[in-house]
N, C-alpha and C. Protein backbone atom coordinates (compact mmCIF):
# COMPACT_ATOMS: atom_id res chain seq x y z
N MET A 1 0.89 33.25 -46.19
CA MET A 1 -0.20 33.37 -45.24
C MET A 1 0.11 32.88 -44.05
N GLU A 2 -0.28 33.59 -43.45
CA GLU A 2 -0.10 33.82 -41.72
C GLU A 2 -0.52 32.79 -40.92
N LYS A 3 0.13 32.13 -40.09
CA LYS A 3 -0.88 31.27 -39.09
C LYS A 3 -1.73 31.97 -38.11
N ARG A 4 -2.53 30.82 -37.95
CA ARG A 4 -3.40 32.04 -36.69
C ARG A 4 -2.90 30.87 -35.26
N SER A 5 -3.04 32.25 -34.54
CA SER A 5 -2.06 32.22 -33.00
C SER A 5 -3.31 31.26 -32.06
N SER A 6 -3.07 30.17 -31.39
CA SER A 6 -3.91 29.19 -30.88
C SER A 6 -3.79 30.10 -29.32
N TYR A 7 -3.43 31.11 -29.27
CA TYR A 7 -3.35 31.73 -27.91
C TYR A 7 -4.53 32.78 -27.56
N TYR A 8 -5.18 33.06 -28.68
CA TYR A 8 -6.68 33.94 -28.70
C TYR A 8 -7.75 32.94 -28.58
N ARG A 9 -8.91 33.78 -27.86
CA ARG A 9 -10.01 32.85 -28.27
C ARG A 9 -10.92 33.42 -28.85
N THR A 10 -11.38 32.55 -29.44
CA THR A 10 -12.72 33.17 -30.21
C THR A 10 -13.45 33.43 -30.47
N SER A 11 -14.41 33.70 -28.82
CA SER A 11 -15.43 33.91 -28.10
C SER A 11 -15.19 34.30 -26.81
N ILE A 12 -15.70 35.29 -26.35
CA ILE A 12 -15.45 35.41 -25.10
C ILE A 12 -16.87 34.98 -24.07
N VAL A 13 -16.74 34.23 -22.83
CA VAL A 13 -17.60 34.01 -22.34
C VAL A 13 -18.16 34.67 -20.84
N THR A 14 -18.89 35.43 -20.78
CA THR A 14 -19.58 36.40 -20.36
C THR A 14 -20.84 36.08 -19.15
N GLY A 15 -20.61 36.03 -17.69
CA GLY A 15 -21.56 35.79 -17.01
C GLY A 15 -22.97 36.00 -17.32
N GLU A 16 -23.36 36.62 -18.70
CA GLU A 16 -25.05 36.45 -19.02
C GLU A 16 -25.14 35.26 -19.38
N GLU A 17 -24.11 34.50 -20.07
CA GLU A 17 -25.30 33.27 -20.52
C GLU A 17 -25.24 31.91 -19.65
N PHE A 18 -25.04 32.15 -18.60
CA PHE A 18 -25.10 31.18 -17.73
C PHE A 18 -25.93 31.76 -16.52
N GLU A 19 -27.03 31.12 -16.59
CA GLU A 19 -28.26 31.36 -15.50
C GLU A 19 -27.56 31.10 -13.84
N GLU A 20 -28.70 31.47 -12.88
CA GLU A 20 -27.96 31.60 -11.55
C GLU A 20 -27.77 30.39 -11.01
N ASP A 21 -28.47 29.12 -11.44
CA ASP A 21 -28.88 28.00 -10.92
C ASP A 21 -27.32 27.06 -11.19
N GLU A 22 -26.80 27.26 -12.56
CA GLU A 22 -25.21 26.93 -12.71
C GLU A 22 -24.38 27.67 -12.26
N ILE A 23 -24.73 28.82 -12.16
CA ILE A 23 -23.86 29.41 -11.06
C ILE A 23 -23.17 29.08 -9.69
N GLU A 24 -24.65 28.74 -9.10
CA GLU A 24 -24.70 28.25 -7.87
C GLU A 24 -23.85 26.49 -7.73
N LEU A 25 -24.44 25.92 -8.73
CA LEU A 25 -23.77 24.39 -8.68
C LEU A 25 -22.11 24.50 -9.16
N LEU A 26 -21.81 25.32 -9.80
CA LEU A 26 -20.27 25.25 -9.91
C LEU A 26 -19.56 26.00 -8.83
N GLU A 27 -20.54 27.00 -7.77
CA GLU A 27 -19.53 27.18 -6.51
C GLU A 27 -19.58 26.02 -5.45
N ASP A 28 -20.45 25.00 -5.59
CA ASP A 28 -21.11 24.31 -4.63
C ASP A 28 -20.11 22.96 -4.92
N GLN A 29 -19.24 23.12 -6.07
CA GLN A 29 -18.73 21.80 -6.31
C GLN A 29 -17.45 21.42 -5.46
N VAL A 30 -17.23 20.18 -4.90
CA VAL A 30 -16.47 19.79 -4.10
C VAL A 30 -14.76 19.32 -4.36
N LYS A 31 -13.95 20.63 -3.84
CA LYS A 31 -12.52 20.63 -4.26
C LYS A 31 -11.77 19.47 -3.08
N LEU A 32 -11.04 18.43 -4.31
CA LEU A 32 -10.05 17.38 -3.65
C LEU A 32 -9.13 17.88 -3.79
N GLU A 33 -8.56 17.91 -2.14
CA GLU A 33 -7.08 17.89 -2.22
C GLU A 33 -5.95 16.60 -2.85
N PRO A 34 -5.04 16.80 -2.75
CA PRO A 34 -4.04 16.02 -3.32
C PRO A 34 -3.90 15.13 -1.85
N PRO A 35 -3.11 14.24 -2.05
CA PRO A 35 -3.02 13.27 -0.96
C PRO A 35 -1.56 14.18 -0.03
N ALA A 36 -1.56 14.06 1.13
CA ALA A 36 -0.10 14.48 1.78
C ALA A 36 0.95 13.53 1.92
N SER A 37 0.95 12.07 1.48
CA SER A 37 1.87 11.47 0.90
C SER A 37 1.63 10.72 0.43
N VAL A 38 2.68 10.08 -0.22
CA VAL A 38 3.09 8.92 -1.07
C VAL A 38 4.34 8.00 -0.80
N TRP A 39 3.81 6.48 -1.18
CA TRP A 39 4.60 5.70 -0.74
C TRP A 39 5.72 5.72 -2.44
N LEU A 40 6.75 5.65 -1.92
CA LEU A 40 8.25 5.53 -3.12
C LEU A 40 8.90 4.16 -2.83
N MET A 41 8.88 3.63 -3.64
CA MET A 41 9.55 2.44 -3.46
C MET A 41 11.32 2.70 -4.53
N SER A 42 12.05 2.30 -4.09
CA SER A 42 13.78 2.55 -4.05
C SER A 42 14.11 1.31 -5.55
N GLN A 43 14.38 1.90 -6.18
CA GLN A 43 15.14 0.85 -7.64
C GLN A 43 16.37 0.97 -8.02
N TYR A 44 17.18 1.34 -6.76
CA TYR A 44 18.21 1.59 -6.57
C TYR A 44 19.02 0.40 -5.95
N PRO A 45 20.00 -0.53 -6.35
CA PRO A 45 20.62 -1.54 -6.05
C PRO A 45 20.97 -1.21 -4.56
N GLY A 46 21.42 -0.34 -3.82
CA GLY A 46 22.05 0.50 -2.87
C GLY A 46 21.11 1.14 -1.80
N ASN A 47 21.56 1.15 -0.72
CA ASN A 47 21.32 1.71 0.26
C ASN A 47 20.94 3.62 -0.53
N LEU A 48 20.43 4.05 -0.29
CA LEU A 48 19.95 5.62 -0.64
C LEU A 48 19.17 6.36 0.27
N ILE A 49 20.19 7.74 0.64
CA ILE A 49 19.87 8.71 1.40
C ILE A 49 19.22 9.95 0.41
N SER A 50 17.87 10.23 0.80
CA SER A 50 17.38 11.43 -0.27
C SER A 50 16.85 12.64 0.52
N THR A 51 17.26 13.87 0.34
CA THR A 51 16.48 14.91 1.05
C THR A 51 15.57 15.64 -0.14
N GLY A 52 14.38 15.90 0.11
CA GLY A 52 12.84 16.44 -0.35
C GLY A 52 13.45 17.82 -0.36
N ALA A 53 13.46 18.05 -1.95
CA ALA A 53 13.80 19.61 -2.53
C ALA A 53 12.81 20.57 -1.75
N VAL A 54 11.67 20.30 -1.87
CA VAL A 54 10.76 21.40 -1.21
C VAL A 54 10.57 21.29 0.02
N THR A 55 10.55 20.24 0.77
CA THR A 55 10.36 20.24 2.42
C THR A 55 11.92 19.81 3.30
N GLY A 56 12.52 19.73 2.38
CA GLY A 56 14.29 19.32 3.21
C GLY A 56 14.06 18.14 4.10
N LYS A 57 12.93 17.33 3.81
CA LYS A 57 12.83 16.30 5.01
C LYS A 57 14.17 15.19 4.54
N ARG A 58 14.77 14.29 5.45
CA ARG A 58 15.45 13.13 4.96
C ARG A 58 14.69 12.08 4.69
N TYR A 59 15.05 11.16 3.54
CA TYR A 59 14.23 9.86 3.17
C TYR A 59 15.32 8.64 3.42
N VAL A 60 15.36 7.70 3.95
CA VAL A 60 16.24 6.93 4.16
C VAL A 60 15.84 5.30 3.46
N PHE A 61 16.66 5.02 2.08
CA PHE A 61 15.89 4.10 1.87
C PHE A 61 17.36 2.96 2.20
N MET A 62 16.65 1.62 2.26
CA MET A 62 17.60 0.77 3.04
C MET A 62 17.93 -0.35 2.19
N GLY A 63 18.60 -0.49 0.66
CA GLY A 63 18.35 -1.03 -0.21
C GLY A 63 17.39 -1.32 -1.49
N GLY A 64 17.69 -2.29 -2.35
CA GLY A 64 16.96 -1.99 -3.83
C GLY A 64 15.59 -2.59 -2.87
N GLY A 65 14.34 -2.13 -3.52
CA GLY A 65 12.84 -2.60 -3.22
C GLY A 65 12.80 -1.91 -1.62
N SER A 66 12.85 -1.15 -0.64
CA SER A 66 12.52 -0.45 0.23
C SER A 66 11.59 0.39 -0.02
N THR A 67 10.44 0.81 0.53
CA THR A 67 9.79 1.63 0.24
C THR A 67 9.63 2.52 1.36
N VAL A 68 9.40 3.70 1.46
CA VAL A 68 9.34 4.67 2.23
C VAL A 68 8.31 5.77 2.10
N GLU A 69 7.33 6.42 3.06
CA GLU A 69 6.38 7.28 3.04
C GLU A 69 7.10 8.92 2.96
N VAL A 70 6.78 9.35 1.63
CA VAL A 70 7.53 10.57 1.24
C VAL A 70 6.34 11.67 1.27
N ASP A 71 6.57 12.82 1.62
CA ASP A 71 5.84 13.68 1.89
C ASP A 71 5.27 14.33 0.22
N ALA A 72 4.21 14.58 -0.38
CA ALA A 72 3.30 14.87 -1.64
C ALA A 72 4.38 16.07 -2.20
N LEU A 73 4.74 16.65 -1.85
CA LEU A 73 5.45 17.83 -2.14
C LEU A 73 6.66 17.36 -2.83
N ASP A 74 7.35 16.53 -1.99
CA ASP A 74 8.97 15.87 -2.63
C ASP A 74 8.83 15.25 -3.60
N ALA A 75 7.59 13.95 -3.51
CA ALA A 75 7.69 13.28 -4.37
C ALA A 75 8.21 13.68 -6.46
N PRO A 76 7.35 14.74 -6.39
CA PRO A 76 7.76 14.49 -8.06
C PRO A 76 8.97 14.72 -8.47
N GLY A 77 10.04 15.12 -7.36
CA GLY A 77 11.36 16.08 -7.41
C GLY A 77 12.04 14.37 -7.67
N MET A 78 11.65 13.85 -6.51
CA MET A 78 12.35 12.35 -6.76
C MET A 78 12.31 11.56 -7.79
N LEU A 79 10.67 11.19 -8.06
CA LEU A 79 10.16 10.59 -9.26
C LEU A 79 11.17 11.39 -10.92
N SER A 80 11.70 12.13 -10.98
CA SER A 80 12.37 12.60 -11.60
C SER A 80 13.78 12.13 -11.84
N ARG A 81 14.44 11.52 -10.61
CA ARG A 81 15.57 11.02 -10.72
C ARG A 81 16.17 9.71 -11.57
N VAL A 82 16.76 9.76 -11.96
CA VAL A 82 17.31 8.06 -12.90
C VAL A 82 18.57 7.90 -12.42
N PHE A 83 18.92 6.79 -12.81
CA PHE A 83 20.34 6.57 -12.65
C PHE A 83 20.79 5.62 -14.03
N GLY A 84 22.24 5.38 -14.17
CA GLY A 84 22.55 4.75 -15.60
C GLY A 84 22.53 5.29 -16.80
N GLY A 85 22.70 4.43 -17.93
CA GLY A 85 22.74 4.95 -18.96
C GLY A 85 23.37 5.57 -19.41
N ASN A 86 24.20 6.35 -19.01
CA ASN A 86 25.13 6.96 -19.47
C ASN A 86 26.44 6.86 -20.24
N SER A 87 26.11 5.37 -20.76
CA SER A 87 27.03 4.91 -21.51
C SER A 87 27.28 5.58 -22.58
N CYS A 88 28.70 5.25 -23.72
CA CYS A 88 28.68 5.94 -24.65
C CYS A 88 28.73 5.03 -25.74
N CYS A 89 29.45 5.62 -27.02
CA CYS A 89 29.12 4.92 -28.11
C CYS A 89 27.57 4.05 -28.53
N GLY A 90 26.85 4.77 -28.44
CA GLY A 90 25.31 4.31 -28.65
C GLY A 90 24.97 3.00 -28.23
N SER A 91 25.37 2.73 -27.25
CA SER A 91 25.41 0.57 -26.86
C SER A 91 23.44 0.85 -26.34
N GLY A 92 23.15 1.89 -26.37
CA GLY A 92 21.23 1.20 -26.08
C GLY A 92 20.82 1.61 -24.98
N VAL A 93 21.86 2.01 -23.66
CA VAL A 93 21.32 1.63 -22.58
C VAL A 93 20.76 2.78 -21.94
N THR A 94 19.38 2.32 -21.50
CA THR A 94 18.50 3.18 -21.27
C THR A 94 18.67 3.52 -19.12
N SER A 95 18.05 4.59 -19.01
CA SER A 95 18.54 5.08 -17.98
C SER A 95 17.25 4.41 -17.09
N THR A 96 17.63 4.10 -15.79
CA THR A 96 16.26 3.96 -14.58
C THR A 96 16.19 4.78 -13.89
N PRO A 97 14.59 5.13 -13.95
CA PRO A 97 14.15 6.02 -12.37
C PRO A 97 14.82 5.31 -11.08
N GLN A 98 14.89 6.20 -10.21
CA GLN A 98 15.30 5.83 -8.99
C GLN A 98 14.31 4.91 -8.27
N PHE A 99 13.09 5.74 -8.12
CA PHE A 99 12.00 5.05 -7.86
C PHE A 99 10.53 5.18 -8.33
N ILE A 100 9.82 4.42 -8.13
CA ILE A 100 8.23 4.40 -8.19
C ILE A 100 7.44 4.57 -7.48
N VAL A 101 6.25 4.84 -7.83
CA VAL A 101 5.17 5.02 -7.10
C VAL A 101 4.54 3.31 -6.46
N VAL A 102 3.97 3.23 -5.11
CA VAL A 102 3.92 2.48 -4.54
C VAL A 102 2.25 2.46 -4.12
N GLU A 103 1.45 1.57 -4.39
CA GLU A 103 0.24 2.11 -3.50
C GLU A 103 0.06 0.96 -2.54
N MET A 104 -0.39 1.73 -1.03
CA MET A 104 -0.41 1.02 0.16
C MET A 104 -1.84 0.74 0.49
């Protein structure tokens, strides 16, 4: 028995199913823009200089626990960085993220 594909819709939505008032409401919705910058705190125990992959800006974190305002375009790449956790023999040591988001 073949599996059903989840990539195809079972029904097609056409513009005839909506009334004009509903279409106007959909067009008038407010679009929220993402923030221009976010605050990141370094968890690395020493000084850290990081360059944003998207904007190329240079961010300097002076010691563990220091916070810096980072461009929102660079933040996802920086949040994916980790340190530690590369021990052998299954010691159970996990990696630690270099940065965490801080609300200011």
